[in-house]
Amino acid sequence: LRLYTTELPEEIMANKIFDKLGFKLYKKGIDWDGIEL
């Protein structure tokens, strides 16, 4: 099960849930606005 997120403040709650469920970082990228994915 894969997803992408950011470290933007509005995604803090989502990232806590993802971490609790065992999601691990496997790569990074940059979106069209220059935000790190």
PDB file of all heavy atoms in Angstrom:
ATOM      1  N   LEU A   1       0.888  -1.151   0.000  1.00  0.00           N
ATOM      2  CA  LEU A   1       0.000   0.000   0.000  1.00  0.00           C
ATOM      3  C   LEU A   1       0.931   1.207   0.000  1.00  0.00           C
ATOM      4  O   LEU A   1       1.821   1.319   0.855  1.00  0.00           O
ATOM      5  CB  LEU A   1      -0.870  -0.016   1.252  1.00  0.00           C
ATOM      6  CG  LEU A   1      -1.982   0.992   1.355  1.00  0.00           C
ATOM      7  CD1 LEU A   1      -2.920   0.917   0.161  1.00  0.00           C
ATOM      8  CD2 LEU A   1      -2.772   0.763   2.626  1.00  0.00           C
ATOM      9  N   ARG A   2       0.778   2.082  -0.985  1.00  0.00           N
ATOM     10  CA  ARG A   2       1.682   3.225  -1.138  1.00  0.00           C
ATOM     11  C   ARG A   2       0.899   4.524  -1.118  1.00  0.00           C
ATOM     12  O   ARG A   2      -0.292   4.563  -1.439  1.00  0.00           O
ATOM     13  CB  ARG A   2       2.466   3.120  -2.445  1.00  0.00           C
ATOM     14  CG  ARG A   2       3.426   1.962  -2.440  1.00  0.00           C
ATOM     15  CD  ARG A   2       4.311   1.934  -3.654  1.00  0.00           C
ATOM     16  NE  ARG A   2       5.269   0.841  -3.517  1.00  0.00           N
ATOM     17  CZ  ARG A   2       5.641   0.057  -4.496  1.00  0.00           C
ATOM     18  NH1 ARG A   2       5.174   0.238  -5.718  1.00  0.00           N
ATOM     19  NH2 ARG A   2       6.506  -0.906  -4.285  1.00  0.00           N
ATOM     20  N   LEU A   3       1.602   5.586  -0.759  1.00  0.00           N
ATOM     21  CA  LEU A   3       1.021   6.924  -0.761  1.00  0.00           C
ATOM     22  C   LEU A   3       2.144   7.934  -0.816  1.00  0.00           C
ATOM     23  O   LEU A   3       3.313   7.578  -0.688  1.00  0.00           O
ATOM     24  CB  LEU A   3       0.159   7.144   0.484  1.00  0.00           C
ATOM     25  CG  LEU A   3       0.807   6.915   1.864  1.00  0.00           C
ATOM     26  CD1 LEU A   3       1.569   8.141   2.343  1.00  0.00           C
ATOM     27  CD2 LEU A   3      -0.251   6.539   2.868  1.00  0.00           C
ATOM     28  N   TYR A   4       1.775   9.170  -1.033  1.00  0.00           N
ATOM     29  CA  TYR A   4       2.776  10.218  -0.896  1.00  0.00           C
ATOM     30  C   TYR A   4       2.182  11.334  -0.052  1.00  0.00           C
ATOM     31  O   TYR A   4       0.973  11.515   0.029  1.00  0.00           O
ATOM     32  CB  TYR A   4       3.315  10.729  -2.234  1.00  0.00           C
ATOM     33  CG  TYR A   4       2.322  11.422  -3.132  1.00  0.00           C
ATOM     34  CD1 TYR A   4       2.067  12.781  -2.988  1.00  0.00           C
ATOM     35  CD2 TYR A   4       1.664  10.728  -4.124  1.00  0.00           C
ATOM     36  CE1 TYR A   4       1.164  13.421  -3.814  1.00  0.00           C
ATOM     37  CE2 TYR A   4       0.775  11.362  -4.958  1.00  0.00           C
ATOM     38  CZ  TYR A   4       0.518  12.710  -4.794  1.00  0.00           C
ATOM     39  OH  TYR A   4      -0.374  13.342  -5.613  1.00  0.00           O
ATOM     40  N   THR A   5       3.065  12.027   0.622  1.00  0.00           N
ATOM     41  CA  THR A   5       2.691  13.088   1.537  1.00  0.00           C
ATOM     42  C   THR A   5       3.790  14.142   1.514  1.00  0.00           C
ATOM     43  O   THR A   5       4.721  14.045   0.733  1.00  0.00           O
ATOM     44  CB  THR A   5       2.455  12.508   2.956  1.00  0.00           C
ATOM     45  OG1 THR A   5       1.974  13.523   3.824  1.00  0.00           O
ATOM     46  CG2 THR A   5       3.704  11.881   3.541  1.00  0.00           C
ATOM     47  N   THR A   6       3.655  15.140   2.349  1.00  0.00           N
ATOM     48  CA  THR A   6       4.689  16.168   2.497  1.00  0.00           C
ATOM     49  C   THR A   6       4.894  16.422   3.985  1.00  0.00           C
ATOM     50  O   THR A   6       4.199  15.852   4.821  1.00  0.00           O
ATOM     51  CB  THR A   6       4.282  17.503   1.823  1.00  0.00           C
ATOM     52  OG1 THR A   6       3.241  18.104   2.585  1.00  0.00           O
ATOM     53  CG2 THR A   6       3.852  17.288   0.387  1.00  0.00           C
ATOM     54  N   GLU A   7       5.812  17.300   4.288  1.00  0.00           N
ATOM     55  CA  GLU A   7       6.011  17.717   5.670  1.00  0.00           C
ATOM     56  C   GLU A   7       5.347  19.062   5.951  1.00  0.00           C
ATOM     57  O   GLU A   7       5.650  19.715   6.949  1.00  0.00           O
ATOM     58  CB  GLU A   7       7.506  17.765   5.995  1.00  0.00           C
ATOM     59  CG  GLU A   7       8.129  16.376   6.011  1.00  0.00           C
ATOM     60  CD  GLU A   7       9.592  16.375   6.376  1.00  0.00           C
ATOM     61  OE1 GLU A   7      10.280  17.400   6.185  1.00  0.00           O
ATOM     62  OE2 GLU A   7      10.062  15.334   6.858  1.00  0.00           O
ATOM     63  N   LEU A   8       4.426  19.481   5.098  1.00  0.00           N
ATOM     64  CA  LEU A   8       3.695  20.728   5.323  1.00  0.00           C
ATOM     65  C   LEU A   8       2.840  20.617   6.583  1.00  0.00           C
ATOM     66  O   LEU A   8       2.362  19.531   6.917  1.00  0.00           O
ATOM     67  CB  LEU A   8       2.815  21.045   4.107  1.00  0.00           C
ATOM     68  CG  LEU A   8       3.560  21.349   2.809  1.00  0.00           C
ATOM     69  CD1 LEU A   8       2.576  21.484   1.652  1.00  0.00           C
ATOM     70  CD2 LEU A   8       4.401  22.600   2.946  1.00  0.00           C
ATOM     71  N   PRO A   9       2.648  21.720   7.292  1.00  0.00           N
ATOM     72  CA  PRO A   9       1.897  21.691   8.553  1.00  0.00           C
ATOM     73  C   PRO A   9       0.502  21.075   8.446  1.00  0.00           C
ATOM     74  O   PRO A   9       0.062  20.383   9.365  1.00  0.00           O
ATOM     75  CB  PRO A   9       1.807  23.162   8.954  1.00  0.00           C
ATOM     76  CG  PRO A   9       2.953  23.816   8.265  1.00  0.00           C
ATOM     77  CD  PRO A   9       3.160  23.054   6.988  1.00  0.00           C
ATOM     78  N   GLU A  10      -0.169  21.285   7.326  1.00  0.00           N
ATOM     79  CA  GLU A  10      -1.519  20.744   7.201  1.00  0.00           C
ATOM     80  C   GLU A  10      -1.557  19.223   7.054  1.00  0.00           C
ATOM     81  O   GLU A  10      -2.626  18.618   7.087  1.00  0.00           O
ATOM     82  CB  GLU A  10      -2.288  21.409   6.048  1.00  0.00           C
ATOM     83  CG  GLU A  10      -1.624  21.306   4.707  1.00  0.00           C
ATOM     84  CD  GLU A  10      -0.727  22.489   4.365  1.00  0.00           C
ATOM     85  OE1 GLU A  10      -0.218  23.180   5.268  1.00  0.00           O
ATOM     86  OE2 GLU A  10      -0.516  22.709   3.162  1.00  0.00           O
ATOM     87  N   GLU A  11      -0.400  18.590   6.933  1.00  0.00           N
ATOM     88  CA  GLU A  11      -0.351  17.135   6.806  1.00  0.00           C
ATOM     89  C   GLU A  11       0.215  16.454   8.053  1.00  0.00           C
ATOM     90  O   GLU A  11       0.483  15.247   8.037  1.00  0.00           O
ATOM     91  CB  GLU A  11       0.428  16.750   5.550  1.00  0.00           C
ATOM     92  CG  GLU A  11      -0.295  17.245   4.310  1.00  0.00           C
ATOM     93  CD  GLU A  11       0.218  16.651   3.020  1.00  0.00           C
ATOM     94  OE1 GLU A  11       0.849  15.584   3.035  1.00  0.00           O
ATOM     95  OE2 GLU A  11      -0.038  17.267   1.978  1.00  0.00           O
ATOM     96  N   ILE A  12       0.366  17.197   9.137  1.00  0.00           N
ATOM     97  CA  ILE A  12       0.913  16.631  10.374  1.00  0.00           C
ATOM     98  C   ILE A  12       0.060  15.480  10.889  1.00  0.00           C
ATOM     99  O   ILE A  12       0.569  14.411  11.215  1.00  0.00           O
ATOM    100  CB  ILE A  12       1.088  17.726  11.455  1.00  0.00           C
ATOM    101  CG1 ILE A  12       2.222  18.671  11.056  1.00  0.00           C
ATOM    102  CG2 ILE A  12       1.351  17.105  12.830  1.00  0.00           C
ATOM    103  CD1 ILE A  12       2.358  19.888  11.952  1.00  0.00           C
ATOM    104  N   MET A  13      -1.260  15.688  10.979  1.00  0.00           N
ATOM    105  CA  MET A  13      -2.142  14.644  11.507  1.00  0.00           C
ATOM    106  C   MET A  13      -2.076  13.398  10.622  1.00  0.00           C
ATOM    107  O   MET A  13      -1.970  12.280  11.118  1.00  0.00           O
ATOM    108  CB  MET A  13      -3.581  15.136  11.595  1.00  0.00           C
ATOM    109  CG  MET A  13      -4.530  14.098  12.191  1.00  0.00           C
ATOM    110  SD  MET A  13      -6.222  14.681  12.407  1.00  0.00           S
ATOM    111  CE  MET A  13      -6.858  14.528  10.744  1.00  0.00           C
ATOM    112  N   ALA A  14      -2.128  13.576   9.317  1.00  0.00           N
ATOM    113  CA  ALA A  14      -2.075  12.436   8.403  1.00  0.00           C
ATOM    114  C   ALA A  14      -0.763  11.672   8.568  1.00  0.00           C
ATOM    115  O   ALA A  14      -0.762  10.435   8.625  1.00  0.00           O
ATOM    116  CB  ALA A  14      -2.227  12.912   6.965  1.00  0.00           C
ATOM    117  N   ASN A  15       0.346  12.389   8.675  1.00  0.00           N
ATOM    118  CA  ASN A  15       1.635  11.716   8.817  1.00  0.00           C
ATOM    119  C   ASN A  15       1.732  10.930  10.114  1.00  0.00           C
ATOM    120  O   ASN A  15       2.343   9.858  10.154  1.00  0.00           O
ATOM    121  CB  ASN A  15       2.778  12.717   8.690  1.00  0.00           C
ATOM    122  CG  ASN A  15       2.999  13.128   7.250  1.00  0.00           C
ATOM    123  OD1 ASN A  15       2.952  12.299   6.348  1.00  0.00           O
ATOM    124  ND2 ASN A  15       3.212  14.405   7.017  1.00  0.00           N
ATOM    125  N   LYS A  16       1.130  11.422  11.170  1.00  0.00           N
ATOM    126  CA  LYS A  16       1.111  10.671  12.437  1.00  0.00           C
ATOM    127  C   LYS A  16       0.349   9.363  12.263  1.00  0.00           C
ATOM    128  O   LYS A  16       0.768   8.318  12.763  1.00  0.00           O
ATOM    129  CB  LYS A  16       0.489  11.514  13.547  1.00  0.00           C
ATOM    130  CG  LYS A  16       1.398  12.609  14.034  1.00  0.00           C
ATOM    131  CD  LYS A  16       0.751  13.402  15.147  1.00  0.00           C
ATOM    132  CE  LYS A  16       1.672  14.523  15.582  1.00  0.00           C
ATOM    133  NZ  LYS A  16       1.107  15.332  16.675  1.00  0.00           N
ATOM    134  N   ILE A  17      -0.765   9.422  11.561  1.00  0.00           N
ATOM    135  CA  ILE A  17      -1.539   8.204  11.302  1.00  0.00           C
ATOM    136  C   ILE A  17      -0.733   7.235  10.439  1.00  0.00           C
ATOM    137  O   ILE A  17      -0.646   6.039  10.737  1.00  0.00           O
ATOM    138  CB  ILE A  17      -2.892   8.544  10.644  1.00  0.00           C
ATOM    139  CG1 ILE A  17      -3.781   9.316  11.620  1.00  0.00           C
ATOM    140  CG2 ILE A  17      -3.596   7.275  10.151  1.00  0.00           C
ATOM    141  CD1 ILE A  17      -5.023   9.920  10.994  1.00  0.00           C
ATOM    142  N   PHE A  18      -0.119   7.742   9.378  1.00  0.00           N
ATOM    143  CA  PHE A  18       0.660   6.879   8.490  1.00  0.00           C
ATOM    144  C   PHE A  18       1.813   6.217   9.248  1.00  0.00           C
ATOM    145  O   PHE A  18       2.074   5.023   9.078  1.00  0.00           O
ATOM    146  CB  PHE A  18       1.215   7.664   7.299  1.00  0.00           C
ATOM    147  CG  PHE A  18       0.166   8.319   6.445  1.00  0.00           C
ATOM    148  CD1 PHE A  18       0.434   9.522   5.813  1.00  0.00           C
ATOM    149  CD2 PHE A  18      -1.100   7.761   6.268  1.00  0.00           C
ATOM    150  CE1 PHE A  18      -0.518  10.139   5.014  1.00  0.00           C
ATOM    151  CE2 PHE A  18      -2.060   8.367   5.476  1.00  0.00           C
ATOM    152  CZ  PHE A  18      -1.768   9.562   4.854  1.00  0.00           C
ATOM    153  N   ASP A  19       2.508   6.986  10.081  1.00  0.00           N
ATOM    154  CA  ASP A  19       3.615   6.432  10.857  1.00  0.00           C
ATOM    155  C   ASP A  19       3.117   5.347  11.811  1.00  0.00           C
ATOM    156  O   ASP A  19       3.736   4.288  11.941  1.00  0.00           O
ATOM    157  CB  ASP A  19       4.328   7.528  11.652  1.00  0.00           C
ATOM    158  CG  ASP A  19       5.095   8.503  10.764  1.00  0.00           C
ATOM    159  OD1 ASP A  19       5.306   8.202   9.566  1.00  0.00           O
ATOM    160  OD2 ASP A  19       5.463   9.583  11.273  1.00  0.00           O
ATOM    161  N   LYS A  20       1.999   5.594  12.455  1.00  0.00           N
ATOM    162  CA  LYS A  20       1.427   4.626  13.397  1.00  0.00           C
ATOM    163  C   LYS A  20       1.054   3.320  12.689  1.00  0.00           C
ATOM    164  O   LYS A  20       1.168   2.237  13.258  1.00  0.00           O
ATOM    165  CB  LYS A  20       0.192   5.228  14.072  1.00  0.00           C
ATOM    166  CG  LYS A  20      -0.446   4.343  15.094  1.00  0.00           C
ATOM    167  CD  LYS A  20      -1.632   5.043  15.729  1.00  0.00           C
ATOM    168  CE  LYS A  20      -2.355   4.104  16.677  1.00  0.00           C
ATOM    169  NZ  LYS A  20      -3.561   4.711  17.230  1.00  0.00           N
ATOM    170  N   LEU A  21       0.636   3.429  11.441  1.00  0.00           N
ATOM    171  CA  LEU A  21       0.248   2.248  10.673  1.00  0.00           C
ATOM    172  C   LEU A  21       1.435   1.517  10.060  1.00  0.00           C
ATOM    173  O   LEU A  21       1.275   0.453   9.478  1.00  0.00           O
ATOM    174  CB  LEU A  21      -0.739   2.643   9.571  1.00  0.00           C
ATOM    175  CG  LEU A  21      -2.110   3.084  10.068  1.00  0.00           C
ATOM    176  CD1 LEU A  21      -2.948   3.606   8.911  1.00  0.00           C
ATOM    177  CD2 LEU A  21      -2.818   1.942  10.777  1.00  0.00           C
ATOM    178  N   GLY A  22       2.632   2.081  10.187  1.00  0.00           N
ATOM    179  CA  GLY A  22       3.830   1.398   9.718  1.00  0.00           C
ATOM    180  C   GLY A  22       4.329   1.796   8.341  1.00  0.00           C
ATOM    181  O   GLY A  22       5.178   1.112   7.771  1.00  0.00           O
ATOM    182  N   PHE A  23       3.827   2.896   7.808  1.00  0.00           N
ATOM    183  CA  PHE A  23       4.333   3.370   6.519  1.00  0.00           C
ATOM    184  C   PHE A  23       5.752   3.898   6.697  1.00  0.00           C
ATOM    185  O   PHE A  23       6.033   4.619   7.645  1.00  0.00           O
ATOM    186  CB  PHE A  23       3.440   4.477   5.953  1.00  0.00           C
ATOM    187  CG  PHE A  23       2.179   3.968   5.330  1.00  0.00           C
ATOM    188  CD1 PHE A  23       1.057   3.743   6.110  1.00  0.00           C
ATOM    189  CD2 PHE A  23       2.119   3.708   3.976  1.00  0.00           C
ATOM    190  CE1 PHE A  23      -0.115   3.272   5.545  1.00  0.00           C
ATOM    191  CE2 PHE A  23       0.957   3.241   3.395  1.00  0.00           C
ATOM    192  CZ  PHE A  23      -0.170   3.019   4.189  1.00  0.00           C
ATOM    193  N   LYS A  24       6.619   3.517   5.771  1.00  0.00           N
ATOM    194  CA  LYS A  24       8.024   3.935   5.803  1.00  0.00           C
ATOM    195  C   LYS A  24       8.378   4.646   4.497  1.00  0.00           C
ATOM    196  O   LYS A  24       7.904   4.280   3.423  1.00  0.00           O
ATOM    197  CB  LYS A  24       8.950   2.727   5.970  1.00  0.00           C
ATOM    198  CG  LYS A  24       8.674   1.885   7.196  1.00  0.00           C
ATOM    199  CD  LYS A  24       9.040   2.611   8.456  1.00  0.00           C
ATOM    200  CE  LYS A  24       8.817   1.695   9.655  1.00  0.00           C
ATOM    201  NZ  LYS A  24       8.652   2.394  10.873  1.00  0.00           N
ATOM    202  N   LEU A  25       9.239   5.627   4.616  1.00  0.00           N
ATOM    203  CA  LEU A  25       9.726   6.365   3.462  1.00  0.00           C
ATOM    204  C   LEU A  25      10.533   5.439   2.561  1.00  0.00           C
ATOM    205  O   LEU A  25      11.394   4.707   3.032  1.00  0.00           O
ATOM    206  CB  LEU A  25      10.605   7.532   3.937  1.00  0.00           C
ATOM    207  CG  LEU A  25      11.197   8.418   2.853  1.00  0.00           C
ATOM    208  CD1 LEU A  25      10.099   9.247   2.186  1.00  0.00           C
ATOM    209  CD2 LEU A  25      12.255   9.326   3.452  1.00  0.00           C
ATOM    210  N   TYR A  26      10.224   5.449   1.253  1.00  0.00           N
ATOM    211  CA  TYR A  26      11.043   4.662   0.336  1.00  0.00           C
ATOM    212  C   TYR A  26      11.645   5.493  -0.785  1.00  0.00           C
ATOM    213  O   TYR A  26      12.561   5.027  -1.471  1.00  0.00           O
ATOM    214  CB  TYR A  26      10.295   3.435  -0.211  1.00  0.00           C
ATOM    215  CG  TYR A  26       9.250   3.715  -1.259  1.00  0.00           C
ATOM    216  CD1 TYR A  26       9.549   3.632  -2.613  1.00  0.00           C
ATOM    217  CD2 TYR A  26       7.956   4.046  -0.891  1.00  0.00           C
ATOM    218  CE1 TYR A  26       8.583   3.871  -3.574  1.00  0.00           C
ATOM    219  CE2 TYR A  26       6.979   4.286  -1.840  1.00  0.00           C
ATOM    220  CZ  TYR A  26       7.307   4.202  -3.183  1.00  0.00           C
ATOM    221  OH  TYR A  26       6.341   4.448  -4.125  1.00  0.00           O
ATOM    222  N   LYS A  27      11.155   6.728  -0.983  1.00  0.00           N
ATOM    223  CA  LYS A  27      11.828   7.639  -1.907  1.00  0.00           C
ATOM    224  C   LYS A  27      11.256   9.044  -1.725  1.00  0.00           C
ATOM    225  O   LYS A  27      10.228   9.230  -1.080  1.00  0.00           O
ATOM    226  CB  LYS A  27      11.707   7.184  -3.360  1.00  0.00           C
ATOM    227  CG  LYS A  27      10.357   7.359  -3.989  1.00  0.00           C
ATOM    228  CD  LYS A  27      10.381   6.943  -5.464  1.00  0.00           C
ATOM    229  CE  LYS A  27       9.039   7.174  -6.117  1.00  0.00           C
ATOM    230  NZ  LYS A  27       9.029   6.845  -7.529  1.00  0.00           N
ATOM    231  N   LYS A  28      11.963  10.019  -2.273  1.00  0.00           N
ATOM    232  CA  LYS A  28      11.526  11.416  -2.241  1.00  0.00           C
ATOM    233  C   LYS A  28      11.427  11.936  -3.664  1.00  0.00           C
ATOM    234  O   LYS A  28      12.060  11.411  -4.572  1.00  0.00           O
ATOM    235  CB  LYS A  28      12.514  12.276  -1.450  1.00  0.00           C
ATOM    236  CG  LYS A  28      12.566  11.961   0.023  1.00  0.00           C
ATOM    237  CD  LYS A  28      13.535  12.881   0.748  1.00  0.00           C
ATOM    238  CE  LYS A  28      13.564  12.558   2.228  1.00  0.00           C
ATOM    239  NZ  LYS A  28      14.423  13.509   2.961  1.00  0.00           N
ATOM    240  N   GLY A  29      10.642  12.969  -3.827  1.00  0.00           N
ATOM    241  CA  GLY A  29      10.497  13.598  -5.126  1.00  0.00           C
ATOM    242  C   GLY A  29      10.115  15.056  -4.943  1.00  0.00           C
ATOM    243  O   GLY A  29       9.966  15.533  -3.821  1.00  0.00           O
ATOM    244  N   ILE A  30       9.909  15.747  -6.039  1.00  0.00           N
ATOM    245  CA  ILE A  30       9.510  17.156  -6.009  1.00  0.00           C
ATOM    246  C   ILE A  30       8.272  17.297  -6.885  1.00  0.00           C
ATOM    247  O   ILE A  30       8.242  16.792  -8.014  1.00  0.00           O
ATOM    248  CB  ILE A  30      10.637  18.069  -6.556  1.00  0.00           C
ATOM    249  CG1 ILE A  30      11.933  17.876  -5.754  1.00  0.00           C
ATOM    250  CG2 ILE A  30      10.198  19.530  -6.576  1.00  0.00           C
ATOM    251  CD1 ILE A  30      11.890  18.384  -4.338  1.00  0.00           C
ATOM    252  N   ASP A  31       7.248  17.989  -6.379  1.00  0.00           N
ATOM    253  CA  ASP A  31       6.054  18.194  -7.202  1.00  0.00           C
ATOM    254  C   ASP A  31       6.231  19.418  -8.096  1.00  0.00           C
ATOM    255  O   ASP A  31       7.262  20.092  -8.077  1.00  0.00           O
ATOM    256  CB  ASP A  31       4.785  18.256  -6.352  1.00  0.00           C
ATOM    257  CG  ASP A  31       4.573  19.583  -5.640  1.00  0.00           C
ATOM    258  OD1 ASP A  31       5.410  20.500  -5.751  1.00  0.00           O
ATOM    259  OD2 ASP A  31       3.538  19.709  -4.962  1.00  0.00           O
ATOM    260  N   TRP A  32       5.221  19.714  -8.895  1.00  0.00           N
ATOM    261  CA  TRP A  32       5.301  20.804  -9.874  1.00  0.00           C
ATOM    262  C   TRP A  32       5.411  22.184  -9.239  1.00  0.00           C
ATOM    263  O   TRP A  32       5.770  23.134  -9.900  1.00  0.00           O
ATOM    264  CB  TRP A  32       4.113  20.758 -10.831  1.00  0.00           C
ATOM    265  CG  TRP A  32       2.799  20.698 -10.123  1.00  0.00           C
ATOM    266  CD1 TRP A  32       2.047  21.750  -9.686  1.00  0.00           C
ATOM    267  CD2 TRP A  32       2.091  19.540  -9.750  1.00  0.00           C
ATOM    268  NE1 TRP A  32       0.912  21.307  -9.046  1.00  0.00           N
ATOM    269  CE2 TRP A  32       0.913  19.939  -9.073  1.00  0.00           C
ATOM    270  CE3 TRP A  32       2.326  18.167  -9.888  1.00  0.00           C
ATOM    271  CZ2 TRP A  32      -0.016  19.048  -8.557  1.00  0.00           C
ATOM    272  CZ3 TRP A  32       1.398  17.279  -9.375  1.00  0.00           C
ATOM    273  CH2 TRP A  32       0.257  17.717  -8.732  1.00  0.00           C
ATOM    274  N   ASP A  33       5.123  22.293  -7.923  1.00  0.00           N
ATOM    275  CA  ASP A  33       5.274  23.567  -7.216  1.00  0.00           C
ATOM    276  C   ASP A  33       6.593  23.648  -6.444  1.00  0.00           C
ATOM    277  O   ASP A  33       6.811  24.591  -5.688  1.00  0.00           O
ATOM    278  CB  ASP A  33       4.112  23.771  -6.235  1.00  0.00           C
ATOM    279  CG  ASP A  33       2.790  23.994  -6.940  1.00  0.00           C
ATOM    280  OD1 ASP A  33       2.780  24.668  -7.990  1.00  0.00           O
ATOM    281  OD2 ASP A  33       1.763  23.505  -6.438  1.00  0.00           O
ATOM    282  N   GLY A  34       7.439  22.641  -6.590  1.00  0.00           N
ATOM    283  CA  GLY A  34       8.722  22.631  -5.894  1.00  0.00           C
ATOM    284  C   GLY A  34       8.654  22.105  -4.476  1.00  0.00           C
ATOM    285  O   GLY A  34       9.617  22.213  -3.727  1.00  0.00           O
ATOM    286  N   ILE A  35       7.528  21.516  -4.096  1.00  0.00           N
ATOM    287  CA  ILE A  35       7.368  20.969  -2.744  1.00  0.00           C
ATOM    288  C   ILE A  35       7.896  19.539  -2.711  1.00  0.00           C
ATOM    289  O   ILE A  35       7.614  18.739  -3.605  1.00  0.00           O
ATOM    290  CB  ILE A  35       5.893  21.013  -2.316  1.00  0.00           C
ATOM    291  CG1 ILE A  35       5.423  22.467  -2.250  1.00  0.00           C
ATOM    292  CG2 ILE A  35       5.681  20.304  -0.974  1.00  0.00           C
ATOM    293  CD1 ILE A  35       3.945  22.645  -2.035  1.00  0.00           C
ATOM    294  N   GLU A  36       8.668  19.230  -1.654  1.00  0.00           N
ATOM    295  CA  GLU A  36       9.214  17.890  -1.525  1.00  0.00           C
ATOM    296  C   GLU A  36       8.112  16.891  -1.186  1.00  0.00           C
ATOM    297  O   GLU A  36       7.345  17.096  -0.250  1.00  0.00           O
ATOM    298  CB  GLU A  36      10.294  17.849  -0.438  1.00  0.00           C
ATOM    299  CG  GLU A  36      10.948  16.482  -0.323  1.00  0.00           C
ATOM    300  CD  GLU A  36      12.067  16.445   0.697  1.00  0.00           C
ATOM    301  OE1 GLU A  36      11.811  16.821   1.856  1.00  0.00           O
ATOM    302  OE2 GLU A  36      13.177  16.036   0.316  1.00  0.00           O
ATOM    303  N   LEU A  37       8.046  15.829  -1.973  1.00  0.00           N
ATOM    304  CA  LEU A  37       7.090  14.743  -1.743  1.00  0.00           C
ATOM    305  C   LEU A  37       7.805  13.596  -1.051  1.00  0.00           C
ATOM    306  O   LEU A  37       8.935  13.247  -1.407  1.00  0.00           O
ATOM    307  CB  LEU A  37       6.502  14.257  -3.062  1.00  0.00           C
ATOM    308  CG  LEU A  37       5.708  15.274  -3.860  1.00  0.00           C
ATOM    309  CD1 LEU A  37       5.289  14.688  -5.197  1.00  0.00           C
ATOM    310  CD2 LEU A  37       4.497  15.750  -3.071  1.00  0.00           C
TER     311      LEU A  37
END
